[in-house]
Amino acid sequence: MLVHMAWISIDDITIQAGEQRWFAHTTWQIEEGQSWAILGPTGSGKTTLVKALRRLLPLAEGQIRFYFDGDSHPQGRTTLKPGEILIFSAESHRDLLRPFAGYHQARWQSFEGEDAPTVSDLLEVEGPVTPQPAPIERRQRDEIIRLLGLEPLLPRKILHLSHGESRKVHIARLWLRQPRLLILDDPYAGLDVGTRAVFARAIEAMITAGG
């Protein structure tokens, strides 16, 4: 019996986005453990492809199948379960920080945002701010913190972090949720050269760690 080695199989798809069609008759196979980079200028359709992968856009032709269930579902499936594919983007980063926006005003007042959560709070396995939907062992949590170099940030409050630091915390939170696929959408946008280098090392550590 031939075992299907794909993790995600994109078979002869054409994506429908409004009146426009993208990536006509595209075939692509992603295998478990692989890391891919999708490159192209603004407007070339990268975000459109990501939305189709996340089942947020319809397909005019073809199909996308997910082989996340192993032997229990060897034919794959065309639907996704919540949290199986997560995305790191400027928008999702803003979503992380939005609940704490009120604390930023307090930074410039005498309260100094005393009630703002720390990085450690945000990275708790079942933290007080947002419990993780997929439980993860503490030793795995500690390893993710180590790989991303977050140990010095743990006691600091989220509103006291730089843009690059809070991005690393955001990636750690997504990783803690144990997605089947983690998509990084333009992760270096808005970062200066030095911060890009630090962030690149964090991403490289995550990729090297696998899983």
N, C-alpha and C. Protein backbone atom coordinates (compact mmCIF):
# COMPACT_ATOMS: atom_id res chain seq x y z
N MET A 1 0.84 -1.20 0.00
CA MET A 1 0.00 0.00 0.00
C MET A 1 0.87 1.25 0.00
N LEU A 2 0.60 2.16 -0.90
CA LEU A 2 1.36 3.40 -0.99
C LEU A 2 0.94 4.35 0.11
N VAL A 3 1.89 4.79 0.92
CA VAL A 3 1.60 5.73 2.00
C VAL A 3 1.75 7.15 1.47
N HIS A 4 0.74 7.97 1.67
CA HIS A 4 0.77 9.37 1.24
C HIS A 4 1.66 10.15 2.19
N MET A 5 2.72 10.75 1.66
CA MET A 5 3.70 11.45 2.49
C MET A 5 3.38 12.93 2.65
N ALA A 6 2.30 13.38 2.01
CA ALA A 6 1.99 14.81 2.09
C ALA A 6 1.48 15.17 3.47
N TRP A 7 1.71 16.40 3.87
CA TRP A 7 1.13 17.00 5.06
C TRP A 7 -0.06 17.86 4.63
N ILE A 8 0.18 18.62 3.55
CA ILE A 8 -0.88 19.38 2.87
C ILE A 8 -0.68 19.18 1.38
N SER A 9 -1.75 18.83 0.69
CA SER A 9 -1.68 18.60 -0.75
C SER A 9 -2.57 19.60 -1.47
N ILE A 10 -1.97 20.39 -2.33
CA ILE A 10 -2.68 21.38 -3.13
C ILE A 10 -2.74 20.84 -4.55
N ASP A 11 -3.94 20.49 -4.99
CA ASP A 11 -4.09 19.74 -6.24
C ASP A 11 -4.85 20.55 -7.28
N ASP A 12 -4.12 21.10 -8.25
CA ASP A 12 -4.69 21.74 -9.43
C ASP A 12 -5.73 22.81 -9.04
N ILE A 13 -5.33 23.70 -8.12
CA ILE A 13 -6.30 24.68 -7.62
C ILE A 13 -6.29 25.97 -8.44
N THR A 14 -7.42 26.64 -8.42
CA THR A 14 -7.54 28.02 -8.84
C THR A 14 -8.35 28.72 -7.76
N ILE A 15 -7.83 29.82 -7.24
CA ILE A 15 -8.47 30.50 -6.10
C ILE A 15 -9.38 31.60 -6.62
N GLN A 16 -10.57 31.67 -6.06
CA GLN A 16 -11.54 32.70 -6.42
C GLN A 16 -11.54 33.78 -5.33
N ALA A 17 -11.15 35.00 -5.68
CA ALA A 17 -11.17 36.12 -4.75
C ALA A 17 -11.94 37.27 -5.39
N GLY A 18 -13.22 37.41 -5.02
CA GLY A 18 -14.05 38.40 -5.68
C GLY A 18 -14.26 38.02 -7.13
N GLU A 19 -13.99 38.96 -8.03
CA GLU A 19 -14.13 38.69 -9.46
C GLU A 19 -12.85 38.13 -10.06
N GLN A 20 -11.79 38.08 -9.28
CA GLN A 20 -10.49 37.69 -9.81
C GLN A 20 -10.13 36.27 -9.43
N ARG A 21 -9.42 35.59 -10.34
CA ARG A 21 -8.92 34.26 -10.08
C ARG A 21 -7.39 34.30 -9.98
N TRP A 22 -6.88 33.51 -9.03
CA TRP A 22 -5.44 33.53 -8.75
C TRP A 22 -4.88 32.11 -8.83
N PHE A 23 -3.59 32.03 -9.16
CA PHE A 23 -2.84 30.78 -9.12
C PHE A 23 -3.55 29.66 -9.90
N ALA A 24 -3.91 29.96 -11.13
CA ALA A 24 -4.66 28.99 -11.93
C ALA A 24 -3.90 27.68 -12.08
N HIS A 25 -4.56 26.59 -11.73
CA HIS A 25 -4.06 25.22 -11.90
C HIS A 25 -2.72 24.99 -11.18
N THR A 26 -2.67 25.47 -9.94
CA THR A 26 -1.46 25.30 -9.13
C THR A 26 -1.50 23.98 -8.37
N THR A 27 -0.39 23.26 -8.43
CA THR A 27 -0.22 22.03 -7.66
C THR A 27 1.02 22.17 -6.80
N TRP A 28 0.89 21.77 -5.53
CA TRP A 28 1.99 21.95 -4.57
C TRP A 28 1.79 20.97 -3.43
N GLN A 29 2.85 20.34 -3.01
CA GLN A 29 2.75 19.39 -1.90
C GLN A 29 3.71 19.81 -0.79
N ILE A 30 3.17 19.96 0.40
CA ILE A 30 3.97 20.29 1.58
C ILE A 30 4.06 19.03 2.44
N GLU A 31 5.28 18.62 2.74
CA GLU A 31 5.47 17.43 3.56
C GLU A 31 5.72 17.81 5.01
N GLU A 32 5.39 16.92 5.90
CA GLU A 32 5.57 17.17 7.33
C GLU A 32 7.03 17.49 7.63
N GLY A 33 7.25 18.53 8.42
CA GLY A 33 8.61 18.91 8.80
C GLY A 33 9.27 19.89 7.85
N GLN A 34 8.66 20.16 6.70
CA GLN A 34 9.24 21.10 5.76
C GLN A 34 8.94 22.54 6.16
N SER A 35 9.82 23.44 5.73
CA SER A 35 9.59 24.89 5.87
C SER A 35 9.70 25.50 4.48
N TRP A 36 8.73 26.31 4.12
CA TRP A 36 8.70 26.94 2.81
C TRP A 36 8.68 28.46 2.96
N ALA A 37 9.25 29.13 1.97
CA ALA A 37 9.14 30.60 1.87
C ALA A 37 8.41 30.93 0.58
N ILE A 38 7.42 31.78 0.66
CA ILE A 38 6.70 32.26 -0.51
C ILE A 38 7.10 33.71 -0.73
N LEU A 39 7.74 33.98 -1.86
CA LEU A 39 8.29 35.30 -2.14
C LEU A 39 7.54 35.96 -3.29
N GLY A 40 7.43 37.26 -3.23
CA GLY A 40 6.79 38.00 -4.31
C GLY A 40 6.51 39.42 -3.89
N PRO A 41 6.36 40.32 -4.85
CA PRO A 41 6.11 41.73 -4.53
C PRO A 41 4.69 41.91 -3.98
N THR A 42 4.45 43.10 -3.42
CA THR A 42 3.11 43.44 -2.94
C THR A 42 2.10 43.32 -4.07
N GLY A 43 0.99 42.65 -3.78
CA GLY A 43 -0.05 42.49 -4.79
C GLY A 43 0.10 41.25 -5.65
N SER A 44 1.10 40.42 -5.35
CA SER A 44 1.33 39.23 -6.18
C SER A 44 0.46 38.05 -5.78
N GLY A 45 -0.26 38.17 -4.64
CA GLY A 45 -1.20 37.12 -4.27
C GLY A 45 -0.77 36.25 -3.11
N LYS A 46 0.30 36.62 -2.41
CA LYS A 46 0.78 35.79 -1.29
C LYS A 46 -0.29 35.64 -0.21
N THR A 47 -0.90 36.76 0.18
CA THR A 47 -1.94 36.71 1.22
C THR A 47 -3.16 35.94 0.73
N THR A 48 -3.47 36.04 -0.54
CA THR A 48 -4.59 35.29 -1.11
C THR A 48 -4.35 33.79 -0.98
N LEU A 49 -3.14 33.36 -1.29
CA LEU A 49 -2.80 31.94 -1.17
C LEU A 49 -2.90 31.48 0.28
N VAL A 50 -2.42 32.31 1.21
CA VAL A 50 -2.49 31.97 2.63
C VAL A 50 -3.94 31.84 3.07
N LYS A 51 -4.79 32.73 2.62
CA LYS A 51 -6.21 32.66 2.98
C LYS A 51 -6.86 31.39 2.44
N ALA A 52 -6.47 30.99 1.24
CA ALA A 52 -7.00 29.74 0.68
C ALA A 52 -6.54 28.54 1.49
N LEU A 53 -5.27 28.56 1.91
CA LEU A 53 -4.75 27.48 2.75
C LEU A 53 -5.53 27.38 4.05
N ARG A 54 -5.93 28.52 4.58
CA ARG A 54 -6.67 28.56 5.84
C ARG A 54 -8.17 28.37 5.62
N ARG A 55 -8.57 28.10 4.40
CA ARG A 55 -9.97 27.86 4.02
C ARG A 55 -10.84 29.09 4.24
N LEU A 56 -10.25 30.26 4.01
CA LEU A 56 -10.98 31.51 4.15
C LEU A 56 -11.41 32.08 2.80
N LEU A 57 -10.95 31.45 1.71
CA LEU A 57 -11.36 31.83 0.37
C LEU A 57 -11.78 30.57 -0.38
N PRO A 58 -12.78 30.69 -1.25
CA PRO A 58 -13.22 29.51 -2.00
C PRO A 58 -12.26 29.17 -3.15
N LEU A 59 -12.32 27.94 -3.57
CA LEU A 59 -11.57 27.49 -4.73
C LEU A 59 -12.52 27.39 -5.92
N ALA A 60 -12.08 27.96 -7.04
CA ALA A 60 -12.87 27.82 -8.26
C ALA A 60 -12.68 26.44 -8.86
N GLU A 61 -11.49 25.87 -8.64
CA GLU A 61 -11.17 24.54 -9.16
C GLU A 61 -10.20 23.86 -8.21
N GLY A 62 -10.13 22.54 -8.31
CA GLY A 62 -9.16 21.77 -7.54
C GLY A 62 -9.55 21.63 -6.09
N GLN A 63 -8.62 21.15 -5.28
CA GLN A 63 -8.89 20.95 -3.85
C GLN A 63 -7.61 21.01 -3.05
N ILE A 64 -7.76 21.34 -1.78
CA ILE A 64 -6.67 21.31 -0.81
C ILE A 64 -7.04 20.25 0.22
N ARG A 65 -6.14 19.30 0.44
CA ARG A 65 -6.40 18.22 1.39
C ARG A 65 -5.35 18.26 2.49
N PHE A 66 -5.80 17.98 3.71
CA PHE A 66 -4.94 18.02 4.89
C PHE A 66 -4.79 16.61 5.44
N TYR A 67 -3.54 16.19 5.65
CA TYR A 67 -3.25 14.83 6.12
C TYR A 67 -2.72 14.90 7.55
N PHE A 68 -3.47 15.57 8.42
CA PHE A 68 -3.05 15.79 9.79
C PHE A 68 -3.42 14.63 10.71
N ASP A 69 -4.24 13.71 10.24
CA ASP A 69 -4.77 12.66 11.11
C ASP A 69 -4.03 11.33 11.01
N GLY A 70 -3.00 11.28 10.18
CA GLY A 70 -2.21 10.06 10.07
C GLY A 70 -3.02 8.89 9.55
N ASP A 71 -2.75 7.72 10.12
CA ASP A 71 -3.39 6.49 9.65
C ASP A 71 -4.89 6.47 9.91
N SER A 72 -5.36 7.30 10.84
CA SER A 72 -6.79 7.29 11.15
C SER A 72 -7.63 7.89 10.03
N HIS A 73 -6.99 8.67 9.15
CA HIS A 73 -7.71 9.28 8.02
C HIS A 73 -6.73 9.42 6.86
N PRO A 74 -6.30 8.28 6.27
CA PRO A 74 -5.22 8.32 5.27
C PRO A 74 -5.59 9.06 3.99
N GLN A 75 -6.88 9.24 3.73
CA GLN A 75 -7.29 9.94 2.51
C GLN A 75 -7.28 11.45 2.68
N GLY A 76 -6.98 11.90 3.91
CA GLY A 76 -6.97 13.33 4.16
C GLY A 76 -8.37 13.89 4.25
N ARG A 77 -8.44 15.20 4.44
CA ARG A 77 -9.73 15.89 4.51
C ARG A 77 -9.58 17.29 3.94
N THR A 78 -10.69 17.88 3.57
CA THR A 78 -10.67 19.21 2.95
C THR A 78 -11.05 20.30 3.95
N THR A 79 -11.37 19.92 5.18
CA THR A 79 -11.75 20.89 6.21
C THR A 79 -10.66 21.02 7.25
N LEU A 80 -10.69 22.13 7.98
CA LEU A 80 -9.74 22.37 9.06
C LEU A 80 -10.47 22.43 10.39
N LYS A 81 -9.78 21.99 11.43
CA LYS A 81 -10.29 22.14 12.78
C LYS A 81 -9.71 23.43 13.37
N PRO A 82 -10.40 24.04 14.34
CA PRO A 82 -9.90 25.29 14.94
C PRO A 82 -8.47 25.12 15.47
N GLY A 83 -7.62 26.09 15.13
CA GLY A 83 -6.26 26.11 15.66
C GLY A 83 -5.26 25.25 14.91
N GLU A 84 -5.69 24.53 13.87
CA GLU A 84 -4.73 23.67 13.15
C GLU A 84 -3.74 24.48 12.33
N ILE A 85 -4.21 25.57 11.73
CA ILE A 85 -3.31 26.48 11.02
C ILE A 85 -3.43 27.85 11.67
N LEU A 86 -2.32 28.35 12.19
CA LEU A 86 -2.28 29.66 12.81
C LEU A 86 -1.37 30.58 12.01
N ILE A 87 -1.62 31.88 12.12
CA ILE A 87 -0.84 32.84 11.35
C ILE A 87 -0.27 33.92 12.24
N PHE A 88 1.00 34.22 12.00
CA PHE A 88 1.65 35.37 12.62
C PHE A 88 1.68 36.46 11.56
N SER A 89 1.08 37.60 11.87
CA SER A 89 1.04 38.71 10.92
C SER A 89 0.95 40.01 11.71
N ALA A 90 1.07 41.12 11.00
CA ALA A 90 0.92 42.42 11.67
C ALA A 90 -0.46 42.52 12.32
N GLU A 91 -1.47 41.97 11.66
CA GLU A 91 -2.83 42.02 12.19
C GLU A 91 -2.98 41.17 13.44
N SER A 92 -2.44 39.95 13.41
CA SER A 92 -2.57 39.08 14.59
C SER A 92 -1.75 39.61 15.75
N HIS A 93 -0.64 40.30 15.44
CA HIS A 93 0.18 40.93 16.49
C HIS A 93 -0.61 42.05 17.16
N ARG A 94 -1.32 42.85 16.36
CA ARG A 94 -2.17 43.90 16.92
C ARG A 94 -3.28 43.31 17.77
N ASP A 95 -3.81 42.18 17.33
CA ASP A 95 -4.87 41.52 18.10
C ASP A 95 -4.37 41.09 19.47
N LEU A 96 -3.10 40.64 19.53
CA LEU A 96 -2.52 40.26 20.81
C LEU A 96 -2.44 41.46 21.75
N LEU A 97 -2.02 42.61 21.22
CA LEU A 97 -1.77 43.79 22.05
C LEU A 97 -3.04 44.59 22.35
N ARG A 98 -4.07 44.42 21.53
CA ARG A 98 -5.27 45.26 21.66
C ARG A 98 -5.90 45.21 23.05
N PRO A 99 -6.01 44.03 23.70
CA PRO A 99 -6.65 44.01 25.02
C PRO A 99 -5.90 44.81 26.08
N PHE A 100 -4.62 45.10 25.80
CA PHE A 100 -3.81 45.81 26.79
C PHE A 100 -3.55 47.25 26.40
N ALA A 101 -4.27 47.71 25.36
CA ALA A 101 -4.02 49.07 24.86
C ALA A 101 -4.26 50.11 25.94
N GLY A 102 -5.24 49.87 26.81
CA GLY A 102 -5.54 50.83 27.85
C GLY A 102 -4.40 51.03 28.82
N TYR A 103 -3.55 50.02 28.94
CA TYR A 103 -2.42 50.14 29.86
C TYR A 103 -1.37 51.11 29.36
N HIS A 104 -1.32 51.32 28.03
CA HIS A 104 -0.29 52.21 27.50
C HIS A 104 -0.49 53.64 27.99
N GLN A 105 -1.74 54.05 28.18
CA GLN A 105 -1.99 55.37 28.75
C GLN A 105 -1.44 55.43 30.16
N ALA A 106 -1.58 54.32 30.89
CA ALA A 106 -1.11 54.29 32.28
C ALA A 106 0.41 54.38 32.37
N ARG A 107 1.10 54.01 31.29
CA ARG A 107 2.57 54.09 31.32
C ARG A 107 3.03 55.51 31.63
N TRP A 108 2.27 56.48 31.17
CA TRP A 108 2.69 57.87 31.30
C TRP A 108 2.04 58.53 32.51
N GLN A 109 1.38 57.70 33.33
CA GLN A 109 0.78 58.21 34.55
C GLN A 109 1.44 57.51 35.73
N SER A 110 1.03 57.89 36.92
CA SER A 110 1.70 57.38 38.11
C SER A 110 1.48 55.89 38.33
N PHE A 111 0.41 55.31 37.74
CA PHE A 111 0.11 53.91 38.00
C PHE A 111 1.10 52.98 37.32
N GLU A 112 1.71 53.40 36.24
CA GLU A 112 2.67 52.59 35.50
C GLU A 112 2.10 51.25 35.06
N GLY A 113 0.81 51.16 34.87
CA GLY A 113 0.20 49.94 34.37
C GLY A 113 0.41 48.75 35.29
N GLU A 114 0.15 48.93 36.59
CA GLU A 114 0.45 47.87 37.55
C GLU A 114 -0.31 46.58 37.27
N ASP A 115 -1.48 46.69 36.67
CA ASP A 115 -2.29 45.49 36.42
C ASP A 115 -1.98 44.83 35.08
N ALA A 116 -1.08 45.40 34.31
CA ALA A 116 -0.75 44.83 33.01
C ALA A 116 -0.06 43.47 33.20
N PRO A 117 -0.37 42.49 32.35
CA PRO A 117 0.25 41.17 32.49
C PRO A 117 1.73 41.20 32.13
N THR A 118 2.47 40.30 32.75
CA THR A 118 3.88 40.12 32.39
C THR A 118 3.97 39.12 31.25
N VAL A 119 5.16 39.02 30.68
CA VAL A 119 5.40 38.04 29.63
C VAL A 119 5.17 36.63 30.18
N SER A 120 5.60 36.40 31.41
CA SER A 120 5.38 35.10 32.03
C SER A 120 3.90 34.77 32.12
N ASP A 121 3.06 35.77 32.47
CA ASP A 121 1.61 35.56 32.50
C ASP A 121 1.09 35.12 31.13
N LEU A 122 1.57 35.79 30.10
CA LEU A 122 1.07 35.52 28.75
C LEU A 122 1.52 34.16 28.23
N LEU A 123 2.60 33.64 28.79
CA LEU A 123 3.13 32.37 28.30
C LEU A 123 2.84 31.21 29.24
N GLU A 124 1.97 31.43 30.21
CA GLU A 124 1.59 30.32 31.08
C GLU A 124 0.84 29.27 30.28
N VAL A 125 1.06 28.00 30.63
CA VAL A 125 0.39 26.90 29.94
C VAL A 125 -1.12 27.06 30.03
N GLU A 126 -1.61 27.41 31.20
CA GLU A 126 -3.02 27.75 31.38
C GLU A 126 -3.07 29.09 32.10
N GLY A 127 -2.62 30.11 31.39
CA GLY A 127 -2.41 31.40 32.00
C GLY A 127 -3.69 32.13 32.36
N PRO A 128 -3.57 33.14 33.19
CA PRO A 128 -4.73 33.90 33.65
C PRO A 128 -5.30 34.83 32.59
N VAL A 129 -4.52 35.11 31.54
CA VAL A 129 -4.97 36.08 30.55
C VAL A 129 -5.77 35.39 29.45
N THR A 130 -5.18 34.43 28.79
CA THR A 130 -5.85 33.67 27.73
C THR A 130 -5.39 32.23 27.81
N PRO A 131 -6.17 31.33 28.39
CA PRO A 131 -5.76 29.92 28.46
C PRO A 131 -5.51 29.35 27.07
N GLN A 132 -4.45 28.55 26.94
CA GLN A 132 -4.13 27.96 25.66
C GLN A 132 -5.14 26.85 25.34
N PRO A 133 -5.66 26.81 24.10
CA PRO A 133 -6.66 25.80 23.77
C PRO A 133 -6.10 24.39 23.71
N ALA A 134 -4.81 24.24 23.45
CA ALA A 134 -4.20 22.91 23.41
C ALA A 134 -3.16 22.84 24.51
N PRO A 135 -3.42 22.09 25.59
CA PRO A 135 -2.47 22.03 26.71
C PRO A 135 -1.09 21.55 26.25
N ILE A 136 -0.07 22.08 26.84
CA ILE A 136 1.30 21.71 26.50
C ILE A 136 2.06 21.55 27.81
N GLU A 137 2.96 20.59 27.85
CA GLU A 137 3.70 20.34 29.07
C GLU A 137 4.61 21.51 29.39
N ARG A 138 4.84 21.74 30.68
CA ARG A 138 5.65 22.88 31.09
C ARG A 138 7.08 22.79 30.55
N ARG A 139 7.60 21.57 30.46
CA ARG A 139 8.98 21.45 29.96
C ARG A 139 9.05 21.91 28.50
N GLN A 140 7.99 21.67 27.72
CA GLN A 140 7.95 22.14 26.35
C GLN A 140 7.83 23.66 26.31
N ARG A 141 7.04 24.19 27.22
CA ARG A 141 6.89 25.64 27.31
C ARG A 141 8.23 26.28 27.62
N ASP A 142 8.98 25.69 28.57
CA ASP A 142 10.28 26.23 28.95
C ASP A 142 11.27 26.13 27.80
N GLU A 143 11.16 25.08 26.99
CA GLU A 143 12.07 24.92 25.86
C GLU A 143 11.78 25.97 24.79
N ILE A 144 10.51 26.27 24.56
CA ILE A 144 10.15 27.32 23.61
C ILE A 144 10.68 28.67 24.06
N ILE A 145 10.56 28.95 25.35
CA ILE A 145 11.08 30.20 25.90
C ILE A 145 12.59 30.28 25.70
N ARG A 146 13.28 29.16 25.92
CA ARG A 146 14.73 29.14 25.76
C ARG A 146 15.13 29.36 24.30
N LEU A 147 14.46 28.65 23.39
CA LEU A 147 14.81 28.74 21.97
C LEU A 147 14.61 30.14 21.42
N LEU A 148 13.60 30.84 21.90
CA LEU A 148 13.33 32.18 21.41
C LEU A 148 14.03 33.26 22.24
N GLY A 149 14.81 32.83 23.25
CA GLY A 149 15.57 33.79 24.05
C GLY A 149 14.70 34.73 24.86
N LEU A 150 13.61 34.20 25.43
CA LEU A 150 12.65 35.05 26.14
C LEU A 150 12.87 35.10 27.65
N GLU A 151 13.85 34.35 28.16
CA GLU A 151 14.05 34.31 29.62
C GLU A 151 14.18 35.70 30.25
N PRO A 152 14.97 36.62 29.66
CA PRO A 152 15.11 37.94 30.30
C PRO A 152 13.82 38.76 30.28
N LEU A 153 12.89 38.39 29.41
CA LEU A 153 11.65 39.18 29.27
C LEU A 153 10.55 38.71 30.21
N LEU A 154 10.68 37.54 30.81
CA LEU A 154 9.57 36.94 31.57
C LEU A 154 8.99 37.85 32.64
N PRO A 155 9.81 38.57 33.43
CA PRO A 155 9.21 39.40 34.49
C PRO A 155 8.70 40.75 34.00
N ARG A 156 8.96 41.08 32.74
CA ARG A 156 8.58 42.39 32.23
C ARG A 156 7.12 42.42 31.79
N LYS A 157 6.51 43.59 31.91
CA LYS A 157 5.12 43.74 31.50
C LYS A 157 5.03 43.91 29.98
N ILE A 158 3.94 43.41 29.42
CA ILE A 158 3.78 43.41 27.97
C ILE A 158 3.89 44.81 27.39
N LEU A 159 3.41 45.83 28.12
CA LEU A 159 3.44 47.19 27.58
C LEU A 159 4.82 47.81 27.64
N HIS A 160 5.79 47.16 28.32
CA HIS A 160 7.14 47.69 28.40
C HIS A 160 8.08 47.09 27.35
N LEU A 161 7.55 46.23 26.49
CA LEU A 161 8.39 45.56 25.50
C LEU A 161 8.52 46.42 24.24
N SER A 162 9.65 46.24 23.56
CA SER A 162 9.80 46.86 22.25
C SER A 162 8.93 46.12 21.24
N HIS A 163 8.83 46.69 20.06
CA HIS A 163 8.03 46.07 18.99
C HIS A 163 8.56 44.67 18.68
N GLY A 164 9.88 44.55 18.53
CA GLY A 164 10.49 43.26 18.22
C GLY A 164 10.32 42.25 19.34
N GLU A 165 10.44 42.71 20.58
CA GLU A 165 10.28 41.80 21.72
C GLU A 165 8.86 41.25 21.81
N SER A 166 7.89 42.14 21.62
CA SER A 166 6.50 41.66 21.71
C SER A 166 6.17 40.72 20.55
N ARG A 167 6.85 40.88 19.42
CA ARG A 167 6.65 39.94 18.31
C ARG A 167 7.15 38.55 18.68
N LYS A 168 8.28 38.49 19.36
CA LYS A 168 8.79 37.18 19.78
C LYS A 168 7.84 36.52 20.77
N VAL A 169 7.26 37.31 21.66
CA VAL A 169 6.27 36.77 22.60
C VAL A 169 5.06 36.24 21.84
N HIS A 170 4.64 36.98 20.82
CA HIS A 170 3.50 36.56 20.02
C HIS A 170 3.76 35.21 19.34
N ILE A 171 4.95 35.06 18.75
CA ILE A 171 5.30 33.78 18.11
C ILE A 171 5.30 32.67 19.14
N ALA A 172 5.84 32.93 20.33
CA ALA A 172 5.86 31.90 21.37
C ALA A 172 4.45 31.48 21.74
N ARG A 173 3.52 32.43 21.86
CA ARG A 173 2.14 32.10 22.21
C ARG A 173 1.49 31.22 21.12
N LEU A 174 1.77 31.55 19.86
CA LEU A 174 1.24 30.72 18.78
C LEU A 174 1.83 29.32 18.81
N TRP A 175 3.13 29.24 19.05
CA TRP A 175 3.81 27.95 19.11
C TRP A 175 3.27 27.10 20.26
N LEU A 176 2.97 27.73 21.38
CA LEU A 176 2.42 27.02 22.53
C LEU A 176 1.07 26.38 22.21
N ARG A 177 0.38 26.90 21.24
CA ARG A 177 -0.92 26.35 20.86
C ARG A 177 -0.78 25.12 19.97
N GLN A 178 0.45 24.78 19.61
CA GLN A 178 0.77 23.56 18.86
C GLN A 178 -0.03 23.42 17.56
N PRO A 179 0.07 24.41 16.68
CA PRO A 179 -0.63 24.28 15.40
C PRO A 179 0.02 23.22 14.52
N ARG A 180 -0.73 22.71 13.58
CA ARG A 180 -0.16 21.81 12.58
C ARG A 180 0.73 22.58 11.61
N LEU A 181 0.33 23.81 11.32
CA LEU A 181 1.10 24.67 10.44
C LEU A 181 1.08 26.08 11.01
N LEU A 182 2.25 26.70 11.10
CA LEU A 182 2.36 28.09 11.55
C LEU A 182 2.87 28.93 10.38
N ILE A 183 2.08 29.91 9.97
CA ILE A 183 2.42 30.77 8.84
C ILE A 183 2.92 32.10 9.37
N LEU A 184 4.07 32.53 8.88
CA LEU A 184 4.63 33.84 9.24
C LEU A 184 4.46 34.77 8.05
N ASP A 185 3.56 35.72 8.16
CA ASP A 185 3.23 36.62 7.06
C ASP A 185 4.02 37.92 7.23
N ASP A 186 5.03 38.10 6.38
CA ASP A 186 5.87 39.31 6.39
C ASP A 186 6.36 39.62 7.80
N PRO A 187 7.09 38.69 8.43
CA PRO A 187 7.43 38.85 9.86
C PRO A 187 8.39 39.99 10.18
N TYR A 188 9.14 40.48 9.18
CA TYR A 188 10.13 41.52 9.46
C TYR A 188 9.62 42.94 9.19
N ALA A 189 8.38 43.05 8.76
CA ALA A 189 7.84 44.38 8.43
C ALA A 189 7.86 45.28 9.65
N GLY A 190 8.36 46.50 9.46
CA GLY A 190 8.36 47.49 10.53
C GLY A 190 9.48 47.39 11.52
N LEU A 191 10.41 46.43 11.31
CA LEU A 191 11.52 46.26 12.25
C LEU A 191 12.79 46.91 11.69
N ASP A 192 13.59 47.49 12.58
CA ASP A 192 14.87 48.04 12.12
C ASP A 192 15.85 46.89 11.85
N VAL A 193 17.00 47.23 11.27
CA VAL A 193 17.96 46.21 10.83
C VAL A 193 18.42 45.33 12.00
N GLY A 194 18.75 45.96 13.13
CA GLY A 194 19.23 45.18 14.27
C GLY A 194 18.17 44.25 14.82
N THR A 195 16.93 44.74 14.92
CA THR A 195 15.86 43.91 15.45
C THR A 195 15.52 42.80 14.48
N ARG A 196 15.63 43.06 13.19
CA ARG A 196 15.38 41.99 12.20
C ARG A 196 16.36 40.84 12.41
N ALA A 197 17.62 41.17 12.68
CA ALA A 197 18.61 40.11 12.88
C ALA A 197 18.27 39.27 14.10
N VAL A 198 17.87 39.91 15.19
CA VAL A 198 17.50 39.18 16.41
C VAL A 198 16.28 38.31 16.14
N PHE A 199 15.30 38.89 15.45
CA PHE A 199 14.07 38.16 15.18
C PHE A 199 14.32 36.99 14.22
N ALA A 200 15.23 37.21 13.26
CA ALA A 200 15.57 36.14 12.32
C ALA A 200 16.20 34.96 13.05
N ARG A 201 17.04 35.23 14.03
CA ARG A 201 17.65 34.14 14.81
C ARG A 201 16.59 33.38 15.60
N ALA A 202 15.60 34.10 16.10
CA ALA A 202 14.52 33.44 16.84
C ALA A 202 13.72 32.52 15.92
N ILE A 203 13.41 33.00 14.71
CA ILE A 203 12.66 32.18 13.75
C ILE A 203 13.49 30.98 13.33
N GLU A 204 14.78 31.19 13.11
CA GLU A 204 15.66 30.07 12.72
C GLU A 204 15.69 29.02 13.82
N ALA A 205 15.74 29.45 15.07
CA ALA A 205 15.74 28.49 16.19
C ALA A 205 14.45 27.68 16.21
N MET A 206 13.34 28.35 15.91
CA MET A 206 12.05 27.67 15.90
C MET A 206 11.99 26.63 14.79
N ILE A 207 12.49 27.00 13.60
CA ILE A 207 12.48 26.07 12.46
C ILE A 207 13.40 24.88 12.73
N THR A 208 14.59 25.17 13.28
CA THR A 208 15.55 24.11 13.56
C THR A 208 15.00 23.12 14.58
N ALA A 209 14.22 23.63 15.55
CA ALA A 209 13.65 22.77 16.57
C ALA A 209 12.63 21.80 15.99
N GLY A 210 12.03 22.18 14.84
CA GLY A 210 11.07 21.29 14.19
C GLY A 210 9.76 21.21 14.94
N GLY A 211 8.95 20.23 14.54
CA GLY A 211 7.66 20.03 15.17
C GLY A 211 6.62 21.04 14.76
